[in-house]
Amino acid sequence: MSTVSLGVEGLLSASSVFMAQMCLQVFFSTIVASVTMTAANMHPKLNTTTEHLTVVEGGRATLPCTVQSMGDQVVFESEYQVIWISPKKTVISMGDRRLMDDQRMSVERPYISIWNLLIRNIRHNDTGYYECRINTSPVQTKKVFLDVKVPPAIVSQMSSDRIVLEEGQTATLVCNVTGIPQPNVTWYKRNHKGTSNIKEKIGSEGEVLIIHNVSRNCDDIYECYVDNGVPPAVSKAIRVVVNYAPEVHLQHPKRLGQYSGKETVLDCLIQANPLAVTDWLVNGQKITKSDKYDIEIFKNEVENRLNLALRIRDISPSEFGMYECFASNFLGEDKEEMFLFELTSTSTTTTTSSTAAADTTVSRKQPPHNNRPGDQKSAEHSRPNYNNIDGPDNQPNVTPANSKSIAIDNSWRGNGSSSSFAHKLLYYLPLLWLLALVLH
């Protein structure tokens, strides 16, 4: 019995050992599996969503890169590396150390899981895809696209500044611009000579404005306005100067009457660019300033126009004749002639009244005129109000003051006054008396 009992006990003891071994094996297998799963769960991960950043040239940009599930930092840094790669496939940094010789770039790490790339003073050639990589298996990559906008700029060295040409020629205005995106160029005419001074949009958009067959009305300041949506917009003024030959316009009729001994003012308007050499001539001889003559130039309110006034003091009979207003520049010359003739009186009464009229008109200094003649010379421009100016058809009957018989004869050849019969009787009475003596 005892022998059987010992056998059973030995069997039970061997079975217990086997079961214990089996339990230990399962336990260790579970621990290994758990450790393996934990290690797998601690594998570092990147947020690989592609991002797009827009920045203006000259600014700064922060390109994000965040690592998730780092685990132990010491273990992570011993096994993994985070690198940044440029659009040109050049390694910018490894970890937090910059490898490129570009001090504008650096790795910023506000937290241990962040490897942001900071770029200062951004240039246009910084545009492109940047990659943040971690050397896991397989390698994980996050892409960030940097879009650099460039404000509009005008290249002055390659743009027009001042253009000088003659009427009838073609003007080509150039406004060379840069910017990202490509800027739009709009052209304006400032109308700086007008009263409103309001800019006028002209032509179509583009870097070149062509003006065919220019006239003096095209002489102005032009402006190219450049904008691409990236502030600030810029503009440039371009001066267009149109030269043309002089045009002379008299400010009074071409025949002018005046009394001897009076002061007379002759006036003409000259339009030219550049402003012309100007002279007054009498009977083909140039007039210079003296006690007798005074020449005054009045700058007109309108650009490229002036008034040339000739003042004749105490005019004498020898100074009547053909007067000429003359102007010239390198493009040509022009002149206008007018005839100044002497007025006389029909009687003492007529002389007195006419002289009084002359004192209030011709001798008066006329202010500069601001007439605006058209492209063709015309006699319809505004003129000074010379009330005593008479043309050949309106010249009064000139009768010597000592012709009393004619004056008496003119006095009774009226239009039927109440004393005409008495005058006729007095006129014929001596004739009738002489006739009676002859017949007697």
Protein backbone atom coordinates (compact mmCIF):
# COMPACT_ATOMS: atom_id res chain seq x y z
CA MET A 1 0.00 0.00 0.00
CA SER A 2 2.77 2.33 0.87
CA THR A 3 4.48 1.66 -2.43
CA VAL A 4 1.33 2.49 -4.37
CA SER A 5 0.87 5.68 -2.39
CA LEU A 6 4.38 6.88 -3.19
CA GLY A 7 3.82 6.28 -6.88
CA VAL A 8 0.65 8.30 -6.92
CA GLU A 9 2.29 11.15 -5.06
CA GLY A 10 5.22 11.19 -7.49
CA LEU A 11 2.84 11.27 -10.42
CA LEU A 12 0.93 14.18 -8.91
CA SER A 13 4.14 16.02 -8.19
CA ALA A 14 5.39 15.59 -11.79
CA SER A 15 2.08 16.79 -13.13
CA SER A 16 2.19 19.91 -10.96
CA VAL A 17 5.64 20.78 -12.22
CA PHE A 18 4.52 20.39 -15.82
CA MET A 19 1.50 22.60 -15.24
CA ALA A 20 3.65 25.24 -13.58
CA GLN A 21 6.03 25.24 -16.50
CA MET A 22 3.15 25.62 -18.93
CA CYS A 23 1.79 28.55 -16.97
CA LEU A 24 5.15 30.29 -16.91
CA GLN A 25 5.53 29.83 -20.66
CA VAL A 26 2.12 31.39 -21.34
CA PHE A 27 2.91 34.25 -19.00
CA PHE A 28 6.18 35.11 -20.68
CA SER A 29 4.63 34.81 -24.12
CA THR A 30 1.96 37.31 -23.05
CA ILE A 31 4.58 39.74 -21.76
CA VAL A 32 6.61 39.49 -24.94
CA ALA A 33 3.51 40.08 -27.06
CA SER A 34 2.57 43.02 -24.92
CA VAL A 35 6.02 44.56 -25.19
CA THR A 36 6.00 43.95 -28.92
CA MET A 37 2.61 45.64 -29.30
CA THR A 38 3.71 48.57 -27.14
CA ALA A 39 6.83 49.02 -29.23
CA ALA A 40 4.73 48.96 -32.34
CA ASN A 41 2.37 51.55 -30.91
CA MET A 42 5.32 53.84 -30.01
CA HIS A 43 6.53 54.03 -33.65
CA PRO A 44 6.90 57.82 -34.50
CA LYS A 45 4.40 59.33 -36.90
CA LEU A 46 4.31 62.57 -38.96
CA ASN A 47 1.26 64.62 -39.86
CA THR A 48 1.75 64.13 -43.59
CA THR A 49 -1.05 66.43 -44.76
CA THR A 50 0.34 68.77 -47.48
CA GLU A 51 0.09 72.46 -46.55
CA HIS A 52 0.17 75.65 -48.62
CA LEU A 53 1.63 78.92 -47.32
CA THR A 54 1.45 82.29 -49.09
CA VAL A 55 3.78 85.10 -48.10
CA VAL A 56 4.90 88.43 -49.57
CA GLU A 57 8.51 88.82 -50.58
CA GLY A 58 10.54 90.35 -47.79
CA GLY A 59 8.42 88.79 -45.05
CA ARG A 60 8.91 85.61 -43.00
CA ALA A 61 7.27 82.18 -43.00
CA THR A 62 7.12 79.26 -40.55
CA LEU A 63 6.84 75.83 -42.20
CA PRO A 64 5.26 73.33 -39.74
CA CYS A 65 6.51 69.82 -38.94
CA THR A 66 5.22 67.89 -35.89
CA VAL A 67 6.19 64.33 -34.84
CA GLN A 68 3.59 62.25 -32.99
CA SER A 69 4.17 59.16 -30.76
CA MET A 70 7.79 59.92 -30.08
CA GLY A 71 8.04 57.74 -26.95
CA ASP A 72 11.15 58.19 -24.93
CA GLN A 73 13.03 61.24 -26.23
CA VAL A 74 16.46 59.70 -25.63
CA VAL A 75 15.51 56.53 -27.46
CA PHE A 76 13.87 58.57 -30.27
CA GLU A 77 16.85 60.85 -30.82
CA SER A 78 19.21 57.87 -30.80
CA GLU A 79 17.25 56.04 -33.46
CA TYR A 80 15.56 58.71 -35.61
CA GLN A 81 16.42 61.96 -37.38
CA VAL A 82 14.14 64.73 -38.67
CA ILE A 83 15.46 66.54 -41.75
CA TRP A 84 14.27 69.42 -43.96
CA ILE A 85 14.85 69.36 -47.72
CA SER A 86 14.60 72.43 -50.01
CA PRO A 87 12.73 72.64 -53.37
CA LYS A 88 16.12 72.15 -55.03
CA LYS A 89 16.55 68.85 -53.12
CA THR A 90 19.24 70.24 -50.85
CA VAL A 91 19.34 69.19 -47.18
CA ILE A 92 18.59 72.28 -45.12
CA SER A 93 18.85 70.81 -41.64
CA MET A 94 19.22 67.60 -39.65
CA GLY A 95 17.57 67.61 -36.26
CA ASP A 96 17.86 71.17 -35.06
CA ARG A 97 21.17 71.86 -36.82
CA ARG A 98 21.27 73.92 -40.06
CA LEU A 99 23.42 72.37 -42.78
CA MET A 100 22.87 75.02 -45.50
CA ASP A 101 24.96 78.17 -45.53
CA ASP A 102 21.88 80.39 -45.47
CA GLN A 103 21.46 82.28 -42.24
CA ARG A 104 17.90 83.23 -43.16
CA MET A 105 16.81 79.68 -42.30
CA SER A 106 16.68 77.95 -38.92
CA VAL A 107 14.82 75.12 -37.14
CA GLU A 108 12.51 76.32 -34.40
CA ARG A 109 11.47 73.89 -31.61
CA PRO A 110 9.01 75.47 -29.18
CA TYR A 111 8.16 71.90 -28.05
CA ILE A 112 10.17 68.66 -28.21
CA SER A 113 7.82 67.19 -30.82
CA ILE A 114 8.06 70.20 -33.19
CA TRP A 115 10.68 70.78 -35.92
CA ASN A 116 9.41 73.96 -37.68
CA LEU A 117 11.48 75.59 -40.42
CA LEU A 118 11.65 79.40 -40.13
CA ILE A 119 12.62 81.45 -43.21
CA ARG A 120 13.30 85.18 -42.82
CA ASN A 121 13.49 87.91 -45.49
CA ILE A 122 11.86 85.66 -48.04
CA ARG A 123 12.87 85.95 -51.68
CA HIS A 124 10.93 85.02 -54.77
CA ASN A 125 13.30 82.14 -55.53
CA ASP A 126 12.34 80.55 -52.20
CA THR A 127 9.08 79.44 -53.86
CA GLY A 128 8.46 75.69 -54.05
CA TYR A 129 7.82 72.46 -52.10
CA TYR A 130 9.72 71.94 -48.86
CA GLU A 131 9.85 68.41 -47.30
CA CYS A 132 10.07 67.42 -43.65
CA ARG A 133 11.23 63.76 -43.42
CA ILE A 134 11.75 61.21 -40.62
CA ASN A 135 13.84 58.09 -41.25
CA THR A 136 11.30 55.49 -40.23
CA SER A 137 10.69 52.39 -42.31
CA PRO A 138 9.22 53.39 -44.65
CA VAL A 139 10.35 57.05 -44.59
CA GLN A 140 7.56 59.47 -43.71
CA THR A 141 7.36 62.85 -45.49
CA LYS A 142 5.34 66.02 -44.96
CA LYS A 143 5.25 68.57 -47.82
CA VAL A 144 4.76 72.32 -47.42
CA PHE A 145 4.36 74.51 -50.52
CA LEU A 146 5.68 78.05 -50.10
CA ASP A 147 4.06 80.55 -52.51
CA VAL A 148 5.96 83.85 -52.58
CA LYS A 149 4.09 86.91 -53.91
CA VAL A 150 6.04 89.91 -55.18
CA PRO A 151 4.54 93.43 -55.13
CA PRO A 152 4.53 95.29 -58.44
CA ALA A 153 7.59 97.35 -59.35
CA ILE A 154 8.54 99.58 -62.28
CA VAL A 155 11.96 99.18 -63.86
CA SER A 156 12.79 102.85 -64.35
CA GLN A 157 15.91 102.19 -66.43
CA MET A 158 13.80 100.37 -69.00
CA SER A 159 10.78 102.70 -68.91
CA SER A 160 10.01 106.02 -70.59
CA ASP A 161 10.57 109.20 -68.65
CA ARG A 162 10.32 112.18 -71.02
CA ILE A 163 9.44 112.00 -74.71
CA VAL A 164 9.90 114.98 -77.05
CA LEU A 165 8.53 114.82 -80.58
CA GLU A 166 6.87 116.89 -83.28
CA GLU A 167 3.28 117.02 -84.45
CA GLY A 168 2.40 114.14 -86.75
CA GLN A 169 4.92 111.74 -85.27
CA THR A 170 4.21 108.57 -83.25
CA ALA A 171 4.79 108.43 -79.49
CA THR A 172 5.69 105.12 -77.83
CA LEU A 173 5.40 105.09 -74.04
CA VAL A 174 6.95 102.13 -72.20
CA CYS A 175 6.30 101.09 -68.60
CA ASN A 176 8.45 98.04 -67.85
CA VAL A 177 7.11 96.24 -64.77
CA THR A 178 7.80 93.20 -62.60
CA GLY A 179 5.79 91.36 -59.96
CA ILE A 180 4.27 88.01 -59.01
CA PRO A 181 1.63 87.47 -60.26
CA GLN A 182 2.14 89.43 -63.48
CA PRO A 183 0.85 92.99 -62.88
CA ASN A 184 -1.77 94.81 -64.91
CA VAL A 185 -0.72 98.17 -66.38
CA THR A 186 -3.41 100.83 -66.86
CA TRP A 187 -2.75 104.12 -68.69
CA TYR A 188 -4.10 107.54 -67.78
CA LYS A 189 -3.80 111.05 -69.18
CA ARG A 190 -3.65 113.57 -66.35
CA ASN A 191 -5.00 116.58 -68.31
CA HIS A 192 -2.83 118.84 -66.16
CA LYS A 193 -3.46 121.79 -68.50
CA GLY A 194 -7.22 121.66 -68.09
CA THR A 195 -9.32 123.31 -65.43
CA SER A 196 -10.74 120.05 -64.05
CA ASN A 197 -7.36 118.27 -63.79
CA ILE A 198 -9.17 114.91 -63.80
CA LYS A 199 -7.28 111.83 -64.96
CA GLU A 200 -8.65 110.19 -68.09
CA LYS A 201 -8.23 106.49 -68.77
CA ILE A 202 -6.86 105.91 -72.25
CA GLY A 203 -5.83 103.01 -74.45
CA SER A 204 -5.84 99.39 -73.38
CA GLU A 205 -3.93 97.63 -70.62
CA GLY A 206 -0.33 96.70 -71.31
CA GLU A 207 3.23 97.81 -70.78
CA VAL A 208 3.35 99.84 -74.02
CA LEU A 209 1.10 102.74 -75.07
CA ILE A 210 1.36 103.95 -78.69
CA ILE A 211 -0.08 107.33 -79.77
CA HIS A 212 -0.23 107.77 -83.52
CA ASN A 213 -0.14 111.12 -85.33
CA VAL A 214 0.30 113.20 -82.18
CA SER A 215 -0.98 116.76 -82.03
CA ARG A 216 -0.37 119.60 -79.59
CA ASN A 217 -3.41 118.34 -77.67
CA CYS A 218 -1.36 115.24 -76.81
CA ASP A 219 1.18 117.38 -74.95
CA ASP A 220 0.52 116.25 -71.38
CA ILE A 221 1.60 114.08 -68.46
CA TYR A 222 0.75 110.40 -68.80
CA GLU A 223 0.66 107.88 -65.98
CA CYS A 224 1.06 104.11 -65.94
CA TYR A 225 -0.66 102.54 -62.92
CA VAL A 226 0.63 99.08 -61.96
CA ASP A 227 -1.22 96.62 -59.73
CA ASN A 228 -1.24 92.84 -59.23
CA GLY A 229 -3.30 92.55 -56.06
CA VAL A 230 -0.24 92.55 -53.81
CA PRO A 231 0.05 95.92 -52.06
CA PRO A 232 1.32 98.48 -52.62
CA ALA A 233 0.39 99.42 -56.18
CA VAL A 234 2.84 101.75 -57.95
CA SER A 235 2.66 104.34 -60.74
CA LYS A 236 4.98 106.40 -62.90
CA ALA A 237 4.52 109.75 -64.65
CA ILE A 238 5.77 110.13 -68.22
CA ARG A 239 6.00 113.58 -69.78
CA VAL A 240 5.13 113.90 -73.46
CA VAL A 241 6.25 117.17 -75.08
CA VAL A 242 4.92 118.02 -78.55
CA ASN A 243 6.84 120.71 -80.44
CA TYR A 244 5.22 122.74 -83.22
CA ALA A 245 5.89 125.84 -85.28
CA PRO A 246 4.58 129.24 -84.12
CA GLU A 247 1.10 130.53 -84.88
CA VAL A 248 0.38 134.25 -84.65
CA HIS A 249 -3.11 135.67 -84.13
CA LEU A 250 -3.94 139.36 -84.08
CA GLN A 251 -6.18 140.54 -81.28
CA HIS A 252 -7.84 143.27 -83.39
CA PRO A 253 -8.81 143.92 -87.05
CA LYS A 254 -6.14 144.08 -89.72
CA ARG A 255 -6.92 147.77 -90.36
CA LEU A 256 -6.80 150.14 -87.43
CA GLY A 257 -7.37 153.90 -87.44
CA GLN A 258 -5.91 156.35 -84.92
CA TYR A 259 -5.40 160.07 -84.49
CA SER A 260 -1.96 161.64 -84.44
CA GLY A 261 -0.59 162.43 -81.01
CA LYS A 262 -2.44 159.61 -79.30
CA GLU A 263 -1.13 156.50 -77.56
CA THR A 264 -1.83 153.23 -79.35
CA VAL A 265 -1.54 149.62 -78.21
CA LEU A 266 -1.25 146.74 -80.69
CA ASP A 267 -1.60 143.18 -79.43
CA CYS A 268 -1.05 139.69 -80.83
CA LEU A 269 -1.31 136.16 -79.43
CA ILE A 270 1.54 133.74 -80.14
CA GLN A 271 1.22 129.98 -79.74
CA ALA A 272 4.35 127.83 -80.12
CA ASN A 273 6.42 125.09 -78.52
CA PRO A 274 9.09 125.86 -77.73
CA LEU A 275 8.08 129.48 -77.23
CA ALA A 276 9.25 131.51 -80.14
CA VAL A 277 11.53 134.47 -80.78
CA THR A 278 9.11 137.38 -81.09
CA ASP A 279 9.33 140.81 -82.68
CA TRP A 280 7.20 143.74 -83.80
CA LEU A 281 8.14 145.36 -87.13
CA VAL A 282 6.91 148.54 -88.80
CA ASN A 283 7.26 148.88 -92.57
CA GLY A 284 9.73 145.96 -92.50
CA GLN A 285 11.97 147.45 -89.79
CA LYS A 286 12.41 145.76 -86.39
CA ILE A 287 11.11 147.80 -83.46
CA THR A 288 13.22 148.09 -80.32
CA LYS A 289 12.29 149.52 -76.95
CA SER A 290 12.67 153.30 -76.73
CA ASP A 291 10.94 156.40 -75.46
CA LYS A 292 8.58 156.05 -78.42
CA TYR A 293 8.00 152.26 -78.37
CA ASP A 294 7.46 149.83 -75.51
CA ILE A 295 7.17 146.07 -76.09
CA GLU A 296 5.59 143.98 -73.32
CA ILE A 297 5.24 140.19 -73.07
CA PHE A 298 2.36 138.79 -71.03
CA LYS A 299 2.50 135.09 -70.10
CA ASN A 300 -0.81 133.51 -71.01
CA GLU A 301 -2.65 131.30 -68.53
CA VAL A 302 -2.54 128.55 -71.14
CA GLU A 303 0.81 126.83 -71.51
CA ASN A 304 2.89 127.64 -74.61
CA ARG A 305 0.96 130.87 -75.31
CA LEU A 306 1.90 134.48 -74.77
CA ASN A 307 0.62 137.93 -75.68
CA LEU A 308 3.00 140.39 -77.32
CA ALA A 309 1.86 144.00 -76.90
CA LEU A 310 3.34 147.05 -78.67
CA ARG A 311 2.71 150.46 -77.09
CA ILE A 312 3.25 153.52 -79.30
CA ARG A 313 3.41 156.82 -77.43
CA ASP A 314 2.38 160.12 -79.06
CA ILE A 315 2.07 158.60 -82.53
CA SER A 316 3.16 160.86 -85.37
CA PRO A 317 2.16 160.78 -89.05
CA SER A 318 5.46 159.14 -90.03
CA GLU A 319 4.72 156.20 -87.74
CA PHE A 320 1.55 155.12 -89.50
CA GLY A 321 1.95 152.19 -91.86
CA MET A 322 2.19 148.39 -91.96
CA TYR A 323 2.89 146.73 -88.60
CA GLU A 324 3.88 143.08 -88.33
CA CYS A 325 3.84 140.65 -85.37
CA PHE A 326 6.51 138.01 -86.05
CA ALA A 327 7.44 134.75 -84.27
CA SER A 328 9.88 131.92 -85.07
CA ASN A 329 11.41 128.78 -83.58
CA PHE A 330 13.46 125.90 -84.96
CA LEU A 331 10.37 124.37 -86.60
CA GLY A 332 9.31 127.43 -88.58
CA GLU A 333 7.93 130.95 -88.39
CA ASP A 334 4.69 132.86 -88.71
CA LYS A 335 3.55 136.48 -88.88
CA GLU A 336 0.43 138.61 -89.04
CA GLU A 337 0.25 142.07 -90.56
CA MET A 338 -2.08 144.96 -89.82
CA PHE A 339 -2.30 148.45 -91.28
CA LEU A 340 -2.38 151.41 -88.92
CA PHE A 341 -3.73 154.53 -90.67
CA GLU A 342 -4.29 158.10 -89.58
CA LEU A 343 -7.75 159.42 -88.79
CA THR A 344 -8.70 163.05 -89.58
CA SER A 345 -11.71 165.22 -88.62
CA THR A 346 -14.50 166.78 -90.71
CA SER A 347 -14.95 169.80 -88.43
CA THR A 348 -13.85 171.19 -85.12
CA THR A 349 -16.83 169.58 -83.45
CA THR A 350 -16.14 166.20 -85.05
CA THR A 351 -12.48 166.38 -84.08
CA THR A 352 -13.33 167.08 -80.46
CA SER A 353 -15.76 164.20 -80.13
CA SER A 354 -13.49 161.73 -81.97
CA THR A 355 -10.51 162.67 -79.85
CA ALA A 356 -12.50 162.05 -76.71
CA ALA A 357 -13.41 158.59 -77.98
CA ALA A 358 -9.77 157.85 -78.73
CA ASP A 359 -8.76 158.84 -75.22
CA THR A 360 -11.08 156.21 -73.73
CA THR A 361 -10.23 153.36 -76.08
CA VAL A 362 -7.04 153.12 -78.13
CA SER A 363 -4.81 154.71 -75.51
CA ARG A 364 -6.05 152.30 -72.88
CA LYS A 365 -3.66 149.44 -72.07
CA GLN A 366 -5.33 146.17 -72.89
CA PRO A 367 -4.83 143.24 -70.51
CA PRO A 368 -3.42 139.95 -71.82
CA HIS A 369 -5.96 137.96 -73.75
CA ASN A 370 -6.65 134.32 -73.05
CA ASN A 371 -8.25 133.42 -76.33
CA ARG A 372 -7.98 129.82 -77.33
CA PRO A 373 -7.56 129.67 -81.13
CA GLY A 374 -8.08 126.38 -82.83
CA ASP A 375 -5.58 124.43 -84.84
CA GLN A 376 -6.34 126.62 -87.88
CA LYS A 377 -5.88 130.35 -87.69
CA SER A 378 -9.14 132.23 -87.76
CA ALA A 379 -10.20 135.86 -87.50
CA GLU A 380 -13.13 134.94 -85.28
CA HIS A 381 -11.19 134.97 -82.00
CA SER A 382 -12.18 137.40 -79.29
CA ARG A 383 -10.76 140.87 -79.78
CA PRO A 384 -10.31 143.92 -77.62
CA ASN A 385 -13.19 146.32 -77.65
CA TYR A 386 -11.72 149.15 -79.72
CA ASN A 387 -14.78 151.33 -80.12
CA ASN A 388 -13.10 153.86 -82.39
CA ILE A 389 -11.54 151.42 -84.82
CA ASP A 390 -12.89 151.94 -88.32
CA GLY A 391 -12.31 149.85 -91.36
CA PRO A 392 -12.08 151.33 -94.87
CA ASP A 393 -15.82 150.98 -95.41
CA ASN A 394 -16.68 152.68 -92.14
CA GLN A 395 -14.13 155.50 -92.36
CA PRO A 396 -15.81 158.90 -91.83
CA ASN A 397 -15.82 161.54 -94.53
CA VAL A 398 -12.55 163.44 -94.17
CA THR A 399 -12.93 167.12 -94.91
CA PRO A 400 -10.33 169.85 -94.40
CA ALA A 401 -11.32 172.06 -91.52
CA ASN A 402 -10.87 175.28 -93.62
CA SER A 403 -13.33 174.35 -96.40
CA LYS A 404 -16.12 176.47 -95.07
CA SER A 405 -18.07 176.54 -98.34
CA ILE A 406 -18.26 172.77 -98.39
CA ALA A 407 -19.20 172.76 -94.77
CA ILE A 408 -22.02 175.22 -95.43
CA ASP A 409 -23.08 173.26 -98.45
CA ASN A 410 -23.16 170.07 -96.37
CA SER A 411 -25.18 171.88 -93.73
CA TRP A 412 -28.14 172.62 -95.95
CA ARG A 413 -28.08 169.27 -97.77
CA GLY A 414 -29.79 167.67 -94.85
CA ASN A 415 -32.75 165.39 -94.77
CA GLY A 416 -35.42 168.10 -94.69
CA SER A 417 -34.94 170.11 -91.50
CA SER A 418 -37.40 172.89 -90.50
CA SER A 419 -35.01 175.68 -91.61
CA SER A 420 -34.07 174.29 -95.05
CA PHE A 421 -36.30 176.80 -96.92
CA ALA A 422 -34.73 179.79 -95.14
CA HIS A 423 -31.25 178.50 -95.92
CA LYS A 424 -32.10 178.10 -99.60
CA LEU A 425 -33.54 181.63 -99.74
CA LEU A 426 -30.41 183.14 -98.20
CA TYR A 427 -28.28 181.15 -100.60
CA TYR A 428 -30.06 182.29 -103.82
CA LEU A 429 -30.90 185.90 -102.79
CA PRO A 430 -27.50 187.36 -103.85
CA LEU A 431 -27.78 185.60 -107.22
CA LEU A 432 -31.22 187.02 -107.85
CA TRP A 433 -29.95 190.51 -106.96
CA LEU A 434 -27.04 190.20 -109.44
CA LEU A 435 -29.42 188.91 -112.12
CA ALA A 436 -31.71 191.92 -111.57
CA LEU A 437 -28.79 194.33 -112.01
CA VAL A 438 -27.75 192.69 -115.27
CA LEU A 439 -31.25 192.79 -116.70
CA HIS A 440 -31.68 196.40 -115.63
